[in-house]
Amino acid sequence: MLPLGQDLPHTHPRPVHWLATAAALAAVVAGAAVLQPADAKATTDTSTASAPGSGAPVVKAPDPTTADYPVDCGPAKLDVTDRASGDLDGDGRPETVAVVRCHSETGTPPSGMYVLAQPDGKNSEGGNDSGTAGKDGKGGKGNGSGQERPRIVATFLDPKEGMSIKDFALRGTKVSATLLGYSSDQVARCCPDLQRKVNWQWKDGKFVLKALPVPGSV
């Protein structure tokens, strides 16, 4: 279980367990890619990359606006609030990390963070990696242009956890963010009162979550 998050400056400390569920995100998905040597180069925000092999064609990073996310927004649309692309697992093909949330004019809906890869060609109709249609009103069978949707290969944060995100960044192969949460149902959804800095990085065939120490802790 992760230690408790830090209260924001305008709140008072209180016992909470809102980040305990983040421990379950530590090994989200195992993949087939193999890590490159330690001296392999990686870019921070790369939209294209060359596939392995001499003279290989350039591979574009997945477009997060065409992905089919397993998020139920009801009648509201799904917004892609942030994105970054890079070769996260060292296979020579760029992935895209997308931060999404349901559109709202008031409050702060919980965010989701997903890792996207290009379609593998196994499903000519597109859709997400589970083979089910999305719940954002877009449907899950292709994107209307005859092209396959990107695959969701990892879920860093599920909106069901009730958290939002700030300070999202991709540096090299490390994805970092600050998770924001609420200590109780009485806290207004506009104003999260708990926070914790975390990062994800590919290691030993899977994405591993690391929670940074709370300031002032030993």
Protein backbone atom coordinates (compact mmCIF):
# COMPACT_ATOMS: atom_id res chain seq x y z
CA MET A 1 0.00 0.00 0.00
CA LEU A 2 1.31 3.45 -0.84
CA PRO A 3 1.81 6.00 1.93
CA LEU A 4 -0.82 8.65 2.29
CA GLY A 5 -0.76 11.60 -0.07
CA GLN A 6 0.09 15.13 0.90
CA ASP A 7 -2.64 17.61 1.75
CA LEU A 8 -2.69 20.74 -0.37
CA PRO A 9 -1.77 23.96 1.45
CA HIS A 10 -5.35 25.11 2.03
CA THR A 11 -6.49 21.95 3.83
CA HIS A 12 -5.94 20.23 7.16
CA PRO A 13 -4.37 16.76 7.51
CA ARG A 14 -6.81 13.90 7.90
CA PRO A 15 -6.64 10.09 7.64
CA VAL A 16 -7.35 8.99 4.08
CA HIS A 17 -6.91 5.97 1.86
CA TRP A 18 -7.64 7.48 -1.54
CA LEU A 19 -4.25 6.49 -3.01
CA ALA A 20 -4.30 2.90 -1.81
CA THR A 21 -5.85 1.80 -5.08
CA ALA A 22 -2.88 3.24 -6.97
CA ALA A 23 -0.81 0.29 -5.82
CA ALA A 24 -2.86 -1.90 -8.15
CA LEU A 25 -1.61 0.17 -11.08
CA ALA A 26 2.00 -0.81 -10.50
CA ALA A 27 2.02 -3.64 -13.06
CA VAL A 28 -0.71 -2.71 -15.49
CA VAL A 29 0.22 -4.69 -18.54
CA ALA A 30 3.05 -6.88 -19.77
CA GLY A 31 4.11 -6.50 -23.39
CA ALA A 32 6.16 -8.30 -25.96
CA ALA A 33 8.70 -5.52 -26.47
CA VAL A 34 12.24 -5.79 -25.16
CA LEU A 35 14.13 -2.94 -23.53
CA GLN A 36 16.97 -1.39 -25.49
CA PRO A 37 20.49 -1.15 -23.99
CA ALA A 38 20.91 1.47 -21.29
CA ASP A 39 22.67 3.82 -23.72
CA ALA A 40 19.83 3.72 -26.27
CA LYS A 41 18.50 7.13 -27.13
CA ALA A 42 14.90 8.12 -26.48
CA THR A 43 13.15 11.38 -27.21
CA THR A 44 10.77 13.25 -24.97
CA ASP A 45 7.95 13.97 -27.38
CA THR A 46 8.40 12.09 -30.65
CA SER A 47 5.52 11.69 -33.06
CA THR A 48 7.43 9.41 -35.42
CA ALA A 49 10.13 6.78 -35.15
CA SER A 50 11.89 4.32 -37.41
CA ALA A 51 10.94 0.71 -36.98
CA PRO A 52 13.77 -1.70 -36.13
CA GLY A 53 16.02 -2.62 -39.05
CA SER A 54 18.04 -0.74 -41.61
CA GLY A 55 16.02 1.45 -43.95
CA ALA A 56 12.80 0.74 -42.06
CA PRO A 57 9.89 3.09 -42.77
CA VAL A 58 8.95 5.81 -40.35
CA VAL A 59 6.23 4.79 -37.90
CA LYS A 60 3.84 7.49 -36.72
CA ALA A 61 2.74 7.72 -33.13
CA PRO A 62 -0.92 6.85 -32.46
CA ASP A 63 -3.39 9.72 -32.69
CA PRO A 64 -5.15 9.91 -29.29
CA THR A 65 -8.18 11.66 -30.76
CA THR A 66 -9.07 8.54 -32.76
CA ALA A 67 -8.73 5.99 -29.95
CA ASP A 68 -11.70 4.21 -28.41
CA TYR A 69 -11.44 4.67 -24.64
CA PRO A 70 -13.37 2.51 -22.13
CA VAL A 71 -14.85 5.60 -20.48
CA ASP A 72 -18.58 6.19 -19.98
CA CYS A 73 -19.36 9.89 -20.42
CA GLY A 74 -23.07 9.50 -21.03
CA PRO A 75 -24.25 12.29 -23.36
CA ALA A 76 -21.07 14.33 -22.80
CA LYS A 77 -18.10 14.13 -25.12
CA LEU A 78 -14.70 12.80 -24.13
CA ASP A 79 -11.87 15.34 -24.10
CA VAL A 80 -8.21 14.53 -24.66
CA THR A 81 -6.69 17.01 -22.22
CA ASP A 82 -3.02 16.10 -22.67
CA ARG A 83 -0.80 13.86 -24.75
CA ALA A 84 2.82 12.92 -25.34
CA SER A 85 4.53 10.43 -27.63
CA GLY A 86 7.76 8.48 -27.47
CA ASP A 87 9.22 4.99 -27.63
CA LEU A 88 8.38 3.89 -24.10
CA ASP A 89 9.35 0.22 -24.34
CA GLY A 90 12.37 0.40 -26.65
CA ASP A 91 10.86 -1.56 -29.55
CA GLY A 92 11.54 1.20 -32.08
CA ARG A 93 7.89 2.17 -32.43
CA PRO A 94 6.43 5.22 -30.67
CA GLU A 95 3.56 4.97 -28.25
CA THR A 96 1.26 7.79 -27.19
CA VAL A 97 0.21 8.50 -23.62
CA ALA A 98 -3.16 10.23 -23.49
CA VAL A 99 -4.92 11.93 -20.60
CA VAL A 100 -8.69 12.04 -21.06
CA ARG A 101 -11.78 13.03 -19.12
CA CYS A 102 -15.45 13.65 -19.75
CA HIS A 103 -16.28 17.18 -20.84
CA SER A 104 -17.83 19.38 -18.18
CA GLU A 105 -18.43 23.10 -17.83
CA THR A 106 -18.29 22.88 -14.04
CA GLY A 107 -16.20 20.89 -11.59
CA THR A 108 -13.31 18.59 -12.45
CA PRO A 109 -14.32 15.16 -13.76
CA PRO A 110 -11.88 12.34 -12.95
CA SER A 111 -9.16 11.68 -15.49
CA GLY A 112 -7.97 8.56 -17.23
CA MET A 113 -4.46 7.96 -18.55
CA TYR A 114 -3.86 5.39 -21.27
CA VAL A 115 -0.94 4.14 -23.35
CA LEU A 116 -1.77 3.76 -27.02
CA ALA A 117 -0.02 1.71 -29.69
CA GLN A 118 -0.66 1.46 -33.39
CA PRO A 119 -3.15 -1.23 -34.53
CA ASP A 120 -1.62 -4.68 -34.88
CA GLY A 121 -3.79 -5.58 -37.89
CA LYS A 122 -5.54 -8.43 -36.08
CA ASN A 123 -8.83 -6.56 -35.88
CA SER A 124 -9.75 -4.89 -39.16
CA GLU A 125 -12.64 -3.07 -37.52
CA GLY A 126 -10.53 -1.30 -34.87
CA GLY A 127 -11.84 -0.90 -31.33
CA ASN A 128 -9.99 -1.10 -28.06
CA ASP A 129 -7.72 -3.84 -26.87
CA SER A 130 -10.51 -5.73 -25.13
CA GLY A 131 -12.50 -6.05 -28.33
CA THR A 132 -15.45 -4.14 -26.87
CA ALA A 133 -17.01 -0.93 -28.05
CA GLY A 134 -16.15 2.27 -26.22
CA LYS A 135 -18.65 4.01 -23.96
CA ASP A 136 -18.05 7.59 -25.03
CA GLY A 137 -20.74 7.66 -27.67
CA LYS A 138 -18.28 7.14 -30.51
CA GLY A 139 -18.75 3.41 -30.90
CA GLY A 140 -15.93 0.92 -31.14
CA LYS A 141 -15.93 -0.32 -34.71
CA GLY A 142 -13.42 1.76 -36.62
CA ASN A 143 -13.20 5.51 -36.80
CA GLY A 144 -15.34 6.26 -39.83
CA SER A 145 -12.34 6.66 -42.16
CA GLY A 146 -11.70 2.98 -42.88
CA GLN A 147 -8.63 3.04 -40.62
CA GLU A 148 -8.13 1.04 -37.46
CA ARG A 149 -8.13 2.78 -34.12
CA PRO A 150 -5.02 2.78 -31.93
CA ARG A 151 -4.85 -0.01 -29.37
CA ILE A 152 -4.98 0.66 -25.64
CA VAL A 153 -2.06 -1.40 -24.31
CA ALA A 154 -1.90 -0.04 -20.76
CA THR A 155 -4.10 1.84 -18.32
CA PHE A 156 -2.09 4.08 -16.01
CA LEU A 157 -5.14 5.60 -14.36
CA ASP A 158 -8.80 4.58 -14.57
CA PRO A 159 -11.37 7.39 -14.16
CA LYS A 160 -13.18 5.10 -11.73
CA GLU A 161 -10.40 5.85 -9.22
CA GLY A 162 -11.83 9.37 -8.96
CA MET A 163 -8.50 11.16 -9.43
CA SER A 164 -7.43 14.00 -11.69
CA ILE A 165 -4.00 14.82 -13.10
CA LYS A 166 -1.66 17.79 -13.30
CA ASP A 167 2.01 18.26 -14.25
CA PHE A 168 1.79 15.52 -16.89
CA ALA A 169 5.09 15.02 -18.71
CA LEU A 170 7.07 12.50 -20.74
CA ARG A 171 10.85 12.73 -20.39
CA GLY A 172 12.80 10.06 -22.19
CA THR A 173 10.89 6.88 -21.35
CA LYS A 174 9.50 8.06 -18.02
CA VAL A 175 5.92 9.30 -17.71
CA SER A 176 5.33 11.53 -14.69
CA ALA A 177 2.29 13.24 -13.21
CA THR A 178 0.78 14.52 -10.00
CA LEU A 179 -2.37 12.66 -8.96
CA LEU A 180 -5.02 14.76 -7.27
CA GLY A 181 -7.74 13.30 -5.08
CA TYR A 182 -10.34 14.03 -2.43
CA SER A 183 -10.26 13.13 1.24
CA SER A 184 -14.04 12.78 1.49
CA ASP A 185 -17.29 13.14 -0.45
CA GLN A 186 -17.80 16.50 1.26
CA VAL A 187 -14.88 18.09 -0.61
CA ALA A 188 -16.07 20.05 -3.67
CA ARG A 189 -15.18 18.33 -6.94
CA CYS A 190 -13.57 21.54 -8.15
CA CYS A 191 -10.96 21.56 -5.42
CA PRO A 192 -8.99 18.34 -4.76
CA ASP A 193 -7.31 18.44 -1.36
CA LEU A 194 -4.80 15.59 -1.74
CA GLN A 195 -1.89 15.10 -4.11
CA ARG A 196 0.92 12.64 -4.85
CA LYS A 197 3.67 12.72 -7.48
CA VAL A 198 4.12 9.45 -9.35
CA ASN A 199 5.83 8.12 -12.46
CA TRP A 200 5.63 5.10 -14.70
CA GLN A 201 8.47 3.45 -16.61
CA TRP A 202 8.92 0.26 -18.63
CA LYS A 203 10.93 -2.32 -16.72
CA ASP A 204 11.31 -6.08 -17.15
CA GLY A 205 8.48 -6.33 -19.67
CA LYS A 206 5.89 -4.18 -17.93
CA PHE A 207 5.11 -0.64 -16.86
CA VAL A 208 6.02 -0.08 -13.23
CA LEU A 209 4.47 2.61 -11.05
CA LYS A 210 6.65 4.52 -8.59
CA ALA A 211 5.21 6.90 -6.02
CA LEU A 212 7.60 9.68 -5.03
CA PRO A 213 8.18 10.29 -1.32
CA VAL A 214 5.85 12.70 0.37
CA PRO A 215 7.72 15.95 1.18
CA GLY A 216 8.89 15.90 4.79
CA SER A 217 8.73 12.12 5.08
CA VAL A 218 11.71 9.95 5.97
